[in-house]
Amino acid sequence: MNRDQVLLLVREALTEIVPDADFTKIGPDTAFREALELDSLDFLNLVERLTEHADCRIDEDGYPRLTTLNSAAAFLAERT
């Protein structure tokens, strides 16, 4: 997957968890967990969806890279 495909995948996964997510207010380097008010369970659901959609394992040590759209896309692009 290229970076644009992965970025779309991250946005789709976030939209599954927060259907009314407004990405016009979330920049590529905005911490989306705070911006979308994701709690711990929501975040784990995000990790699960990304794991399924990207078909790659995301271990707990990778969680800090899943904070912004840019960092999450870069992390997943490296792993796929």
PDB file of N, CA and C in Angstrom:
ATOM      1  N   MET A   1       0.846  -1.189   0.000  1.00  0.00           N
ATOM      2  CA  MET A   1       0.000   0.000   0.000  1.00  0.00           C
ATOM      3  C   MET A   1       0.880   1.236   0.000  1.00  0.00           C
ATOM      4  N   ASN A   2       0.453   2.228  -0.757  1.00  0.00           N
ATOM      5  CA  ASN A   2       1.198   3.472  -0.708  1.00  0.00           C
ATOM      6  C   ASN A   2       0.622   4.366   0.393  1.00  0.00           C
ATOM      7  N   ARG A   3       1.274   5.471   0.632  1.00  0.00           N
ATOM      8  CA  ARG A   3       0.915   6.340   1.749  1.00  0.00           C
ATOM      9  C   ARG A   3      -0.509   6.889   1.617  1.00  0.00           C
ATOM     10  N   ASP A   4      -0.920   7.272   0.417  1.00  0.00           N
ATOM     11  CA  ASP A   4      -2.272   7.801   0.222  1.00  0.00           C
ATOM     12  C   ASP A   4      -3.341   6.752   0.508  1.00  0.00           C
ATOM     13  N   GLN A   5      -3.084   5.510   0.100  1.00  0.00           N
ATOM     14  CA  GLN A   5      -4.032   4.434   0.376  1.00  0.00           C
ATOM     15  C   GLN A   5      -4.143   4.183   1.875  1.00  0.00           C
ATOM     16  N   VAL A   6      -3.008   4.224   2.545  1.00  0.00           N
ATOM     17  CA  VAL A   6      -3.010   3.992   3.992  1.00  0.00           C
ATOM     18  C   VAL A   6      -3.707   5.144   4.711  1.00  0.00           C
ATOM     19  N   LEU A   7      -3.484   6.361   4.260  1.00  0.00           N
ATOM     20  CA  LEU A   7      -4.149   7.521   4.872  1.00  0.00           C
ATOM     21  C   LEU A   7      -5.665   7.390   4.737  1.00  0.00           C
ATOM     22  N   LEU A   8      -6.129   6.973   3.587  1.00  0.00           N
ATOM     23  CA  LEU A   8      -7.557   6.742   3.384  1.00  0.00           C
ATOM     24  C   LEU A   8      -8.055   5.638   4.306  1.00  0.00           C
ATOM     25  N   LEU A   9      -7.281   4.586   4.457  1.00  0.00           N
ATOM     26  CA  LEU A   9      -7.635   3.484   5.341  1.00  0.00           C
ATOM     27  C   LEU A   9      -7.782   3.966   6.788  1.00  0.00           C
ATOM     28  N   VAL A  10      -6.865   4.818   7.255  1.00  0.00           N
ATOM     29  CA  VAL A  10      -6.932   5.365   8.622  1.00  0.00           C
ATOM     30  C   VAL A  10      -8.193   6.198   8.783  1.00  0.00           C
ATOM     31  N   ARG A  11      -8.476   7.036   7.813  1.00  0.00           N
ATOM     32  CA  ARG A  11      -9.695   7.865   7.883  1.00  0.00           C
ATOM     33  C   ARG A  11     -10.955   7.005   7.902  1.00  0.00           C
ATOM     34  N   GLU A  12     -10.986   5.980   7.091  1.00  0.00           N
ATOM     35  CA  GLU A  12     -12.149   5.088   7.065  1.00  0.00           C
ATOM     36  C   GLU A  12     -12.318   4.366   8.403  1.00  0.00           C
ATOM     37  N   ALA A  13     -11.222   3.917   8.978  1.00  0.00           N
ATOM     38  CA  ALA A  13     -11.288   3.235  10.270  1.00  0.00           C
ATOM     39  C   ALA A  13     -11.782   4.189  11.354  1.00  0.00           C
ATOM     40  N   LEU A  14     -11.294   5.408  11.328  1.00  0.00           N
ATOM     41  CA  LEU A  14     -11.759   6.401  12.306  1.00  0.00           C
ATOM     42  C   LEU A  14     -13.243   6.711  12.116  1.00  0.00           C
ATOM     43  N   THR A  15     -13.678   6.764  10.864  1.00  0.00           N
ATOM     44  CA  THR A  15     -15.089   7.046  10.578  1.00  0.00           C
ATOM     45  C   THR A  15     -15.987   5.905  11.054  1.00  0.00           C
ATOM     46  N   GLU A  16     -15.483   4.673  11.036  1.00  0.00           N
ATOM     47  CA  GLU A  16     -16.258   3.549  11.562  1.00  0.00           C
ATOM     48  C   GLU A  16     -16.480   3.696  13.066  1.00  0.00           C
ATOM     49  N   ILE A  17     -15.521   4.288  13.752  1.00  0.00           N
ATOM     50  CA  ILE A  17     -15.604   4.446  15.205  1.00  0.00           C
ATOM     51  C   ILE A  17     -16.330   5.734  15.573  1.00  0.00           C
ATOM     52  N   VAL A  18     -16.053   6.801  14.831  1.00  0.00           N
ATOM     53  CA  VAL A  18     -16.684   8.102  15.064  1.00  0.00           C
ATOM     54  C   VAL A  18     -17.343   8.520  13.745  1.00  0.00           C
ATOM     55  N   PRO A  19     -18.579   8.061  13.512  1.00  0.00           N
ATOM     56  CA  PRO A  19     -19.222   8.296  12.215  1.00  0.00           C
ATOM     57  C   PRO A  19     -19.334   9.770  11.810  1.00  0.00           C
ATOM     58  N   ASP A  20     -19.419  10.663  12.774  1.00  0.00           N
ATOM     59  CA  ASP A  20     -19.563  12.081  12.443  1.00  0.00           C
ATOM     60  C   ASP A  20     -18.229  12.825  12.506  1.00  0.00           C
ATOM     61  N   ALA A  21     -17.122  12.114  12.369  1.00  0.00           N
ATOM     62  CA  ALA A  21     -15.793  12.735  12.414  1.00  0.00           C
ATOM     63  C   ALA A  21     -15.665  13.762  11.297  1.00  0.00           C
ATOM     64  N   ASP A  22     -15.253  14.965  11.668  1.00  0.00           N
ATOM     65  CA  ASP A  22     -15.084  16.047  10.704  1.00  0.00           C
ATOM     66  C   ASP A  22     -13.595  16.225  10.426  1.00  0.00           C
ATOM     67  N   PHE A  23     -13.127  15.657   9.323  1.00  0.00           N
ATOM     68  CA  PHE A  23     -11.711  15.701   9.007  1.00  0.00           C
ATOM     69  C   PHE A  23     -11.265  17.063   8.494  1.00  0.00           C
ATOM     70  N   THR A  24     -12.203  17.975   8.242  1.00  0.00           N
ATOM     71  CA  THR A  24     -11.801  19.328   7.868  1.00  0.00           C
ATOM     72  C   THR A  24     -11.230  20.067   9.076  1.00  0.00           C
ATOM     73  N   LYS A  25     -11.575  19.604  10.281  1.00  0.00           N
ATOM     74  CA  LYS A  25     -11.076  20.233  11.505  1.00  0.00           C
ATOM     75  C   LYS A  25      -9.871  19.500  12.081  1.00  0.00           C
ATOM     76  N   ILE A  26      -9.512  18.382  11.456  1.00  0.00           N
ATOM     77  CA  ILE A  26      -8.386  17.592  11.931  1.00  0.00           C
ATOM     78  C   ILE A  26      -7.295  17.641  10.870  1.00  0.00           C
ATOM     79  N   GLY A  27      -6.232  18.358  11.182  1.00  0.00           N
ATOM     80  CA  GLY A  27      -5.116  18.462  10.256  1.00  0.00           C
ATOM     81  C   GLY A  27      -4.308  17.181  10.249  1.00  0.00           C
ATOM     82  N   PRO A  28      -3.394  17.067   9.319  1.00  0.00           N
ATOM     83  CA  PRO A  28      -2.601  15.852   9.217  1.00  0.00           C
ATOM     84  C   PRO A  28      -1.701  15.595  10.426  1.00  0.00           C
ATOM     85  N   ASP A  29      -1.404  16.648  11.186  1.00  0.00           N
ATOM     86  CA  ASP A  29      -0.552  16.491  12.364  1.00  0.00           C
ATOM     87  C   ASP A  29      -1.288  16.774  13.674  1.00  0.00           C
ATOM     88  N   THR A  30      -2.611  16.794  13.612  1.00  0.00           N
ATOM     89  CA  THR A  30      -3.436  16.966  14.807  1.00  0.00           C
ATOM     90  C   THR A  30      -3.566  15.623  15.522  1.00  0.00           C
ATOM     91  N   ALA A  31      -3.431  15.632  16.827  1.00  0.00           N
ATOM     92  CA  ALA A  31      -3.616  14.405  17.608  1.00  0.00           C
ATOM     93  C   ALA A  31      -5.095  14.040  17.562  1.00  0.00           C
ATOM     94  N   PHE A  32      -5.437  13.057  16.734  1.00  0.00           N
ATOM     95  CA  PHE A  32      -6.851  12.751  16.501  1.00  0.00           C
ATOM     96  C   PHE A  32      -7.526  12.105  17.700  1.00  0.00           C
ATOM     97  N   ARG A  33      -6.778  11.454  18.557  1.00  0.00           N
ATOM     98  CA  ARG A  33      -7.397  10.818  19.723  1.00  0.00           C
ATOM     99  C   ARG A  33      -8.077  11.864  20.603  1.00  0.00           C
ATOM    100  N   GLU A  34      -7.399  12.980  20.828  1.00  0.00           N
ATOM    101  CA  GLU A  34      -7.983  14.052  21.617  1.00  0.00           C
ATOM    102  C   GLU A  34      -9.049  14.809  20.820  1.00  0.00           C
ATOM    103  N   ALA A  35      -8.747  15.081  19.551  1.00  0.00           N
ATOM    104  CA  ALA A  35      -9.671  15.854  18.721  1.00  0.00           C
ATOM    105  C   ALA A  35     -11.012  15.149  18.547  1.00  0.00           C
ATOM    106  N   LEU A  36     -10.976  13.822  18.449  1.00  0.00           N
ATOM    107  CA  LEU A  36     -12.214  13.050  18.264  1.00  0.00           C
ATOM    108  C   LEU A  36     -12.729  12.468  19.576  1.00  0.00           C
ATOM    109  N   GLU A  37     -12.039  12.790  20.668  1.00  0.00           N
ATOM    110  CA  GLU A  37     -12.422  12.326  22.002  1.00  0.00           C
ATOM    111  C   GLU A  37     -12.537  10.805  22.072  1.00  0.00           C
ATOM    112  N   LEU A  38     -11.516  10.116  21.549  1.00  0.00           N
ATOM    113  CA  LEU A  38     -11.483   8.663  21.603  1.00  0.00           C
ATOM    114  C   LEU A  38     -11.058   8.218  22.996  1.00  0.00           C
ATOM    115  N   ASP A  39     -11.839   7.348  23.602  1.00  0.00           N
ATOM    116  CA  ASP A  39     -11.416   6.777  24.878  1.00  0.00           C
ATOM    117  C   ASP A  39     -10.556   5.546  24.589  1.00  0.00           C
ATOM    118  N   SER A  40     -10.115   4.880  25.631  1.00  0.00           N
ATOM    119  CA  SER A  40      -9.219   3.732  25.467  1.00  0.00           C
ATOM    120  C   SER A  40      -9.844   2.617  24.638  1.00  0.00           C
ATOM    121  N   LEU A  41     -11.115   2.352  24.867  1.00  0.00           N
ATOM    122  CA  LEU A  41     -11.804   1.303  24.112  1.00  0.00           C
ATOM    123  C   LEU A  41     -11.919   1.685  22.638  1.00  0.00           C
ATOM    124  N   ASP A  42     -12.241   2.951  22.366  1.00  0.00           N
ATOM    125  CA  ASP A  42     -12.297   3.417  20.979  1.00  0.00           C
ATOM    126  C   ASP A  42     -10.943   3.249  20.292  1.00  0.00           C
ATOM    127  N   PHE A  43      -9.882   3.589  21.021  1.00  0.00           N
ATOM    128  CA  PHE A  43      -8.548   3.468  20.445  1.00  0.00           C
ATOM    129  C   PHE A  43      -8.214   2.010  20.141  1.00  0.00           C
ATOM    130  N   LEU A  44      -8.556   1.118  21.041  1.00  0.00           N
ATOM    131  CA  LEU A  44      -8.304  -0.305  20.790  1.00  0.00           C
ATOM    132  C   LEU A  44      -9.130  -0.806  19.615  1.00  0.00           C
ATOM    133  N   ASN A  45     -10.341  -0.296  19.464  1.00  0.00           N
ATOM    134  CA  ASN A  45     -11.156  -0.636  18.293  1.00  0.00           C
ATOM    135  C   ASN A  45     -10.487  -0.137  17.016  1.00  0.00           C
ATOM    136  N   LEU A  46      -9.897   1.040  17.087  1.00  0.00           N
ATOM    137  CA  LEU A  46      -9.168   1.577  15.938  1.00  0.00           C
ATOM    138  C   LEU A  46      -8.002   0.667  15.578  1.00  0.00           C
ATOM    139  N   VAL A  47      -7.235   0.271  16.570  1.00  0.00           N
ATOM    140  CA  VAL A  47      -6.094  -0.619  16.334  1.00  0.00           C
ATOM    141  C   VAL A  47      -6.574  -1.921  15.695  1.00  0.00           C
ATOM    142  N   GLU A  48      -7.671  -2.452  16.201  1.00  0.00           N
ATOM    143  CA  GLU A  48      -8.220  -3.696  15.647  1.00  0.00           C
ATOM    144  C   GLU A  48      -8.632  -3.519  14.192  1.00  0.00           C
ATOM    145  N   ARG A  49      -9.311  -2.431  13.896  1.00  0.00           N
ATOM    146  CA  ARG A  49      -9.753  -2.191  12.512  1.00  0.00           C
ATOM    147  C   ARG A  49      -8.558  -1.990  11.585  1.00  0.00           C
ATOM    148  N   LEU A  50      -7.567  -1.223  12.039  1.00  0.00           N
ATOM    149  CA  LEU A  50      -6.380  -1.003  11.214  1.00  0.00           C
ATOM    150  C   LEU A  50      -5.643  -2.314  10.978  1.00  0.00           C
ATOM    151  N   THR A  51      -5.578  -3.148  11.998  1.00  0.00           N
ATOM    152  CA  THR A  51      -4.933  -4.455  11.861  1.00  0.00           C
ATOM    153  C   THR A  51      -5.639  -5.287  10.799  1.00  0.00           C
ATOM    154  N   GLU A  52      -6.956  -5.285  10.835  1.00  0.00           N
ATOM    155  CA  GLU A  52      -7.739  -6.056   9.863  1.00  0.00           C
ATOM    156  C   GLU A  52      -7.619  -5.486   8.457  1.00  0.00           C
ATOM    157  N   HIS A  53      -7.808  -4.168   8.335  1.00  0.00           N
ATOM    158  CA  HIS A  53      -7.825  -3.539   7.008  1.00  0.00           C
ATOM    159  C   HIS A  53      -6.450  -3.499   6.359  1.00  0.00           C
ATOM    160  N   ALA A  54      -5.415  -3.301   7.153  1.00  0.00           N
ATOM    161  CA  ALA A  54      -4.057  -3.227   6.600  1.00  0.00           C
ATOM    162  C   ALA A  54      -3.397  -4.599   6.547  1.00  0.00           C
ATOM    163  N   ASP A  55      -4.040  -5.567   7.177  1.00  0.00           N
ATOM    164  CA  ASP A  55      -3.522  -6.931   7.216  1.00  0.00           C
ATOM    165  C   ASP A  55      -2.089  -6.971   7.757  1.00  0.00           C
ATOM    166  N   CYS A  56      -1.906  -6.277   8.874  1.00  0.00           N
ATOM    167  CA  CYS A  56      -0.611  -6.311   9.546  1.00  0.00           C
ATOM    168  C   CYS A  56      -0.844  -6.231  11.049  1.00  0.00           C
ATOM    169  N   ARG A  57       0.067  -6.814  11.773  1.00  0.00           N
ATOM    170  CA  ARG A  57      -0.034  -6.820  13.233  1.00  0.00           C
ATOM    171  C   ARG A  57       0.461  -5.487  13.789  1.00  0.00           C
ATOM    172  N   ILE A  58      -0.284  -4.936  14.735  1.00  0.00           N
ATOM    173  CA  ILE A  58       0.123  -3.706  15.400  1.00  0.00           C
ATOM    174  C   ILE A  58       0.288  -4.022  16.875  1.00  0.00           C
ATOM    175  N   ASP A  59       1.531  -4.062  17.305  1.00  0.00           N
ATOM    176  CA  ASP A  59       1.819  -4.340  18.707  1.00  0.00           C
ATOM    177  C   ASP A  59       1.720  -3.063  19.525  1.00  0.00           C
ATOM    178  N   GLU A  60       1.652  -3.243  20.825  1.00  0.00           N
ATOM    179  CA  GLU A  60       1.486  -2.111  21.734  1.00  0.00           C
ATOM    180  C   GLU A  60       2.617  -1.086  21.607  1.00  0.00           C
ATOM    181  N   ASP A  61       3.803  -1.522  21.272  1.00  0.00           N
ATOM    182  CA  ASP A  61       4.903  -0.564  21.127  1.00  0.00           C
ATOM    183  C   ASP A  61       4.723   0.334  19.901  1.00  0.00           C
ATOM    184  N   GLY A  62       3.792   0.005  19.019  1.00  0.00           N
ATOM    185  CA  GLY A  62       3.486   0.846  17.867  1.00  0.00           C
ATOM    186  C   GLY A  62       2.401   1.869  18.137  1.00  0.00           C
ATOM    187  N   TYR A  63       1.695   1.744  19.238  1.00  0.00           N
ATOM    188  CA  TYR A  63       0.588   2.649  19.550  1.00  0.00           C
ATOM    189  C   TYR A  63       0.981   4.124  19.546  1.00  0.00           C
ATOM    190  N   PRO A  64       2.159   4.492  20.059  1.00  0.00           N
ATOM    191  CA  PRO A  64       2.525   5.913  20.027  1.00  0.00           C
ATOM    192  C   PRO A  64       2.628   6.500  18.623  1.00  0.00           C
ATOM    193  N   ARG A  65       2.772   5.653  17.618  1.00  0.00           N
ATOM    194  CA  ARG A  65       2.836   6.143  16.239  1.00  0.00           C
ATOM    195  C   ARG A  65       1.449   6.331  15.641  1.00  0.00           C
ATOM    196  N   LEU A  66       0.427   5.925  16.374  1.00  0.00           N
ATOM    197  CA  LEU A  66      -0.955   6.067  15.894  1.00  0.00           C
ATOM    198  C   LEU A  66      -1.613   7.266  16.570  1.00  0.00           C
ATOM    199  N   THR A  67      -0.998   8.421  16.440  1.00  0.00           N
ATOM    200  CA  THR A  67      -1.524   9.606  17.120  1.00  0.00           C
ATOM    201  C   THR A  67      -2.051  10.665  16.168  1.00  0.00           C
ATOM    202  N   THR A  68      -1.455  10.783  14.997  1.00  0.00           N
ATOM    203  CA  THR A  68      -1.914  11.746  14.001  1.00  0.00           C
ATOM    204  C   THR A  68      -2.150  11.001  12.694  1.00  0.00           C
ATOM    205  N   LEU A  69      -2.838  11.630  11.777  1.00  0.00           N
ATOM    206  CA  LEU A  69      -3.060  10.994  10.476  1.00  0.00           C
ATOM    207  C   LEU A  69      -1.733  10.720   9.778  1.00  0.00           C
ATOM    208  N   ASN A  70      -0.822  11.707   9.805  1.00  0.00           N
ATOM    209  CA  ASN A  70       0.471  11.531   9.155  1.00  0.00           C
ATOM    210  C   ASN A  70       1.291  10.415   9.784  1.00  0.00           C
ATOM    211  N   SER A  71       1.381  10.409  11.103  1.00  0.00           N
ATOM    212  CA  SER A  71       2.221   9.396  11.751  1.00  0.00           C
ATOM    213  C   SER A  71       1.616   8.002  11.601  1.00  0.00           C
ATOM    214  N   ALA A  72       0.300   7.899  11.686  1.00  0.00           N
ATOM    215  CA  ALA A  72      -0.353   6.599  11.521  1.00  0.00           C
ATOM    216  C   ALA A  72      -0.172   6.090  10.093  1.00  0.00           C
ATOM    217  N   ALA A  73      -0.318   6.983   9.117  1.00  0.00           N
ATOM    218  CA  ALA A  73      -0.148   6.582   7.721  1.00  0.00           C
ATOM    219  C   ALA A  73       1.289   6.146   7.455  1.00  0.00           C
ATOM    220  N   ALA A  74       2.255   6.884   7.989  1.00  0.00           N
ATOM    221  CA  ALA A  74       3.654   6.516   7.799  1.00  0.00           C
ATOM    222  C   ALA A  74       3.961   5.168   8.444  1.00  0.00           C
ATOM    223  N   PHE A  75       3.468   4.975   9.645  1.00  0.00           N
ATOM    224  CA  PHE A  75       3.692   3.721  10.360  1.00  0.00           C
ATOM    225  C   PHE A  75       3.122   2.537   9.596  1.00  0.00           C
ATOM    226  N   LEU A  76       1.892   2.655   9.158  1.00  0.00           N
ATOM    227  CA  LEU A  76       1.253   1.547   8.432  1.00  0.00           C
ATOM    228  C   LEU A  76       1.872   1.334   7.052  1.00  0.00           C
ATOM    229  N   ALA A  77       2.269   2.406   6.397  1.00  0.00           N
ATOM    230  CA  ALA A  77       2.908   2.264   5.084  1.00  0.00           C
ATOM    231  C   ALA A  77       4.217   1.488   5.204  1.00  0.00           C
ATOM    232  N   GLU A  78       4.927   1.692   6.307  1.00  0.00           N
ATOM    233  CA  GLU A  78       6.168   0.953   6.541  1.00  0.00           C
ATOM    234  C   GLU A  78       5.894  -0.534   6.738  1.00  0.00           C
ATOM    235  N   ARG A  79       4.761  -0.872   7.293  1.00  0.00           N
ATOM    236  CA  ARG A  79       4.461  -2.247   7.695  1.00  0.00           C
ATOM    237  C   ARG A  79       3.703  -3.029   6.625  1.00  0.00           C
ATOM    238  N   THR A  80       3.191  -2.359   5.607  1.00  0.00           N
ATOM    239  CA  THR A  80       2.427  -3.074   4.579  1.00  0.00           C
ATOM    240  C   THR A  80       3.192  -3.167   3.282  1.00  0.00           C
TER     241      THR A  80
END
